[in-house]
Amino acid sequence: MKRSILVAGALGLALALAGPALAQKTGKHGGQTAVVAGHHDAELVIEPAKVVLYLTNHGKPLSAKDNAIKVTIQDGAKKSEVKLKVEADHLVGPLDAPLNKGAIVLLSGKTEDGHGVSARFTVK
């Protein structure tokens, strides 16, 4: 009995401490962040008329010029792809309409240095 209480307590403590680590952080541009390709960070900013993607390598901006990244959006029953264009140090793609809360945004492709990118975001 005592052992099961100790195990339950230890699991509860582990979950309490892991909670903040599991949550996505807000990036410096106000978007959701995800670690991609091990050491690259992707920050996705979702605006009513566009999505903006910022990539960094160990905290330094990664050139957006030669990235081949695709954005796929699942918003309810509607699935669409957004073509990204380079604007300065980030990638931008137009949205036909604002995304609904709960919509899923998937990133896939490769960075300019050949690393694979795969990330999933949920519209809040």
C-alpha atoms as a PDB file:
ATOM      1  CA  MET A   1       0.000   0.000   0.000  1.00  0.00           C
ATOM      2  CA  LYS A   2       2.738   2.439   0.995  1.00  0.00           C
ATOM      3  CA  ARG A   3       4.697   1.594  -2.128  1.00  0.00           C
ATOM      4  CA  SER A   4       1.741   2.338  -4.443  1.00  0.00           C
ATOM      5  CA  ILE A   5       1.222   5.692  -2.687  1.00  0.00           C
ATOM      6  CA  LEU A   6       4.898   6.546  -3.166  1.00  0.00           C
ATOM      7  CA  VAL A   7       4.787   5.530  -6.843  1.00  0.00           C
ATOM      8  CA  ALA A   8       1.623   7.585  -7.412  1.00  0.00           C
ATOM      9  CA  GLY A   9       3.215  10.572  -5.667  1.00  0.00           C
ATOM     10  CA  ALA A  10       6.398  10.281  -7.730  1.00  0.00           C
ATOM     11  CA  LEU A  11       4.390  10.068 -10.974  1.00  0.00           C
ATOM     12  CA  GLY A  12       2.325  13.095  -9.967  1.00  0.00           C
ATOM     13  CA  LEU A  13       5.466  15.098  -9.231  1.00  0.00           C
ATOM     14  CA  ALA A  14       7.055  14.058 -12.533  1.00  0.00           C
ATOM     15  CA  LEU A  15       3.958  15.143 -14.474  1.00  0.00           C
ATOM     16  CA  ALA A  16       3.777  18.457 -12.630  1.00  0.00           C
ATOM     17  CA  LEU A  17       7.403  19.227 -13.456  1.00  0.00           C
ATOM     18  CA  ALA A  18       7.106  18.067 -17.079  1.00  0.00           C
ATOM     19  CA  GLY A  19       3.993  20.158 -17.842  1.00  0.00           C
ATOM     20  CA  PRO A  20       5.825  23.406 -18.665  1.00  0.00           C
ATOM     21  CA  ALA A  21       8.367  21.534 -20.809  1.00  0.00           C
ATOM     22  CA  LEU A  22       5.602  19.928 -22.873  1.00  0.00           C
ATOM     23  CA  ALA A  23       3.812  23.214 -23.561  1.00  0.00           C
ATOM     24  CA  GLN A  24       4.695  25.137 -26.705  1.00  0.00           C
ATOM     25  CA  LYS A  25       6.436  28.414 -26.011  1.00  0.00           C
ATOM     26  CA  THR A  26       5.528  31.735 -27.569  1.00  0.00           C
ATOM     27  CA  GLY A  27       8.250  32.912 -29.951  1.00  0.00           C
ATOM     28  CA  LYS A  28       9.764  36.374 -30.227  1.00  0.00           C
ATOM     29  CA  HIS A  29       7.311  37.279 -33.032  1.00  0.00           C
ATOM     30  CA  GLY A  30       4.307  36.148 -30.970  1.00  0.00           C
ATOM     31  CA  GLY A  31       3.815  32.789 -32.711  1.00  0.00           C
ATOM     32  CA  GLN A  32       3.916  29.162 -31.634  1.00  0.00           C
ATOM     33  CA  THR A  33       7.311  27.465 -31.686  1.00  0.00           C
ATOM     34  CA  ALA A  34       8.550  23.952 -32.369  1.00  0.00           C
ATOM     35  CA  VAL A  35      11.978  22.342 -32.562  1.00  0.00           C
ATOM     36  CA  VAL A  36      12.583  20.888 -36.017  1.00  0.00           C
ATOM     37  CA  ALA A  37      15.557  18.951 -37.376  1.00  0.00           C
ATOM     38  CA  GLY A  38      17.059  18.665 -33.903  1.00  0.00           C
ATOM     39  CA  HIS A  39      18.554  22.139 -33.561  1.00  0.00           C
ATOM     40  CA  HIS A  40      16.394  24.379 -35.768  1.00  0.00           C
ATOM     41  CA  ASP A  41      13.437  26.239 -34.315  1.00  0.00           C
ATOM     42  CA  ALA A  42      10.309  27.066 -36.296  1.00  0.00           C
ATOM     43  CA  GLU A  43       8.005  29.868 -35.210  1.00  0.00           C
ATOM     44  CA  LEU A  44       4.626  30.014 -36.902  1.00  0.00           C
ATOM     45  CA  VAL A  45       2.675  33.257 -36.689  1.00  0.00           C
ATOM     46  CA  ILE A  46      -0.945  32.897 -37.794  1.00  0.00           C
ATOM     47  CA  GLU A  47      -2.650  36.113 -38.842  1.00  0.00           C
ATOM     48  CA  PRO A  48      -6.166  36.479 -40.287  1.00  0.00           C
ATOM     49  CA  ALA A  49      -4.901  36.814 -43.882  1.00  0.00           C
ATOM     50  CA  LYS A  50      -1.532  35.022 -43.810  1.00  0.00           C
ATOM     51  CA  VAL A  51       0.854  32.626 -42.095  1.00  0.00           C
ATOM     52  CA  VAL A  52       4.429  33.679 -41.390  1.00  0.00           C
ATOM     53  CA  LEU A  53       7.230  31.175 -40.722  1.00  0.00           C
ATOM     54  CA  TYR A  54      10.492  32.123 -39.036  1.00  0.00           C
ATOM     55  CA  LEU A  55      13.320  29.576 -38.870  1.00  0.00           C
ATOM     56  CA  THR A  56      16.370  29.785 -36.631  1.00  0.00           C
ATOM     57  CA  ASN A  57      19.511  27.706 -36.232  1.00  0.00           C
ATOM     58  CA  HIS A  58      20.770  27.687 -32.627  1.00  0.00           C
ATOM     59  CA  GLY A  59      18.858  30.940 -32.046  1.00  0.00           C
ATOM     60  CA  LYS A  60      20.204  32.754 -35.120  1.00  0.00           C
ATOM     61  CA  PRO A  61      17.904  33.521 -38.085  1.00  0.00           C
ATOM     62  CA  LEU A  62      18.160  30.946 -40.863  1.00  0.00           C
ATOM     63  CA  SER A  63      18.031  32.314 -44.392  1.00  0.00           C
ATOM     64  CA  ALA A  64      14.584  31.754 -45.896  1.00  0.00           C
ATOM     65  CA  LYS A  65      15.881  31.886 -49.467  1.00  0.00           C
ATOM     66  CA  ASP A  66      16.472  28.223 -50.302  1.00  0.00           C
ATOM     67  CA  ASN A  67      13.982  26.487 -48.031  1.00  0.00           C
ATOM     68  CA  ALA A  68      11.523  23.995 -49.520  1.00  0.00           C
ATOM     69  CA  ILE A  69       8.815  23.933 -46.872  1.00  0.00           C
ATOM     70  CA  LYS A  70       5.155  23.169 -47.453  1.00  0.00           C
ATOM     71  CA  VAL A  71       2.268  24.229 -45.225  1.00  0.00           C
ATOM     72  CA  THR A  72      -0.808  22.000 -45.092  1.00  0.00           C
ATOM     73  CA  ILE A  73      -3.887  23.162 -43.195  1.00  0.00           C
ATOM     74  CA  GLN A  74      -6.735  20.989 -41.915  1.00  0.00           C
ATOM     75  CA  ASP A  75      -9.528  23.318 -40.792  1.00  0.00           C
ATOM     76  CA  GLY A  76     -12.566  21.209 -39.964  1.00  0.00           C
ATOM     77  CA  ALA A  77     -13.436  19.231 -43.113  1.00  0.00           C
ATOM     78  CA  LYS A  78     -11.457  21.623 -45.332  1.00  0.00           C
ATOM     79  CA  LYS A  79      -7.879  20.728 -46.296  1.00  0.00           C
ATOM     80  CA  SER A  80      -5.647  23.201 -48.134  1.00  0.00           C
ATOM     81  CA  GLU A  81      -2.021  23.921 -48.932  1.00  0.00           C
ATOM     82  CA  VAL A  82      -0.368  27.302 -48.635  1.00  0.00           C
ATOM     83  CA  LYS A  83       2.491  28.274 -50.899  1.00  0.00           C
ATOM     84  CA  LEU A  84       5.219  30.151 -49.050  1.00  0.00           C
ATOM     85  CA  LYS A  85       7.218  33.046 -50.502  1.00  0.00           C
ATOM     86  CA  VAL A  86      10.428  34.548 -49.156  1.00  0.00           C
ATOM     87  CA  GLU A  87      10.154  37.956 -47.484  1.00  0.00           C
ATOM     88  CA  ALA A  88      13.429  39.137 -45.949  1.00  0.00           C
ATOM     89  CA  ASP A  89      14.396  36.492 -43.320  1.00  0.00           C
ATOM     90  CA  HIS A  90      11.061  34.672 -43.175  1.00  0.00           C
ATOM     91  CA  LEU A  91       8.476  32.855 -45.309  1.00  0.00           C
ATOM     92  CA  VAL A  92       4.934  34.136 -45.869  1.00  0.00           C
ATOM     93  CA  GLY A  93       1.855  32.472 -47.321  1.00  0.00           C
ATOM     94  CA  PRO A  94      -1.644  33.873 -47.926  1.00  0.00           C
ATOM     95  CA  LEU A  95      -4.771  32.500 -46.287  1.00  0.00           C
ATOM     96  CA  ASP A  96      -8.146  32.485 -48.072  1.00  0.00           C
ATOM     97  CA  ALA A  97      -9.912  33.072 -44.739  1.00  0.00           C
ATOM     98  CA  PRO A  98      -8.979  33.287 -41.059  1.00  0.00           C
ATOM     99  CA  LEU A  99      -8.333  29.867 -39.492  1.00  0.00           C
ATOM    100  CA  ASN A 100     -10.755  28.524 -36.923  1.00  0.00           C
ATOM    101  CA  LYS A 101      -9.716  27.600 -33.404  1.00  0.00           C
ATOM    102  CA  GLY A 102      -8.548  23.984 -33.409  1.00  0.00           C
ATOM    103  CA  ALA A 103      -7.364  23.989 -37.038  1.00  0.00           C
ATOM    104  CA  ILE A 104      -4.195  21.945 -37.606  1.00  0.00           C
ATOM    105  CA  VAL A 105      -1.211  23.462 -39.441  1.00  0.00           C
ATOM    106  CA  LEU A 106       1.489  21.051 -40.640  1.00  0.00           C
ATOM    107  CA  LEU A 107       4.967  22.006 -41.843  1.00  0.00           C
ATOM    108  CA  SER A 108       7.014  19.633 -43.967  1.00  0.00           C
ATOM    109  CA  GLY A 109      10.041  19.937 -46.215  1.00  0.00           C
ATOM    110  CA  LYS A 110      13.725  20.830 -45.978  1.00  0.00           C
ATOM    111  CA  THR A 111      15.745  23.786 -44.784  1.00  0.00           C
ATOM    112  CA  GLU A 112      18.422  25.424 -46.908  1.00  0.00           C
ATOM    113  CA  ASP A 113      21.075  23.273 -45.217  1.00  0.00           C
ATOM    114  CA  GLY A 114      19.231  20.054 -46.121  1.00  0.00           C
ATOM    115  CA  HIS A 115      17.683  19.253 -42.739  1.00  0.00           C
ATOM    116  CA  GLY A 116      14.180  17.827 -42.735  1.00  0.00           C
ATOM    117  CA  VAL A 117      11.382  19.914 -41.253  1.00  0.00           C
ATOM    118  CA  SER A 118       8.285  18.413 -39.720  1.00  0.00           C
ATOM    119  CA  ALA A 119       6.082  20.229 -37.225  1.00  0.00           C
ATOM    120  CA  ARG A 120       2.438  20.333 -36.161  1.00  0.00           C
ATOM    121  CA  PHE A 121       0.649  23.365 -34.728  1.00  0.00           C
ATOM    122  CA  THR A 122      -2.903  23.799 -33.458  1.00  0.00           C
ATOM    123  CA  VAL A 123      -4.639  27.159 -33.882  1.00  0.00           C
ATOM    124  CA  LYS A 124      -5.511  28.582 -30.457  1.00  0.00           C
END
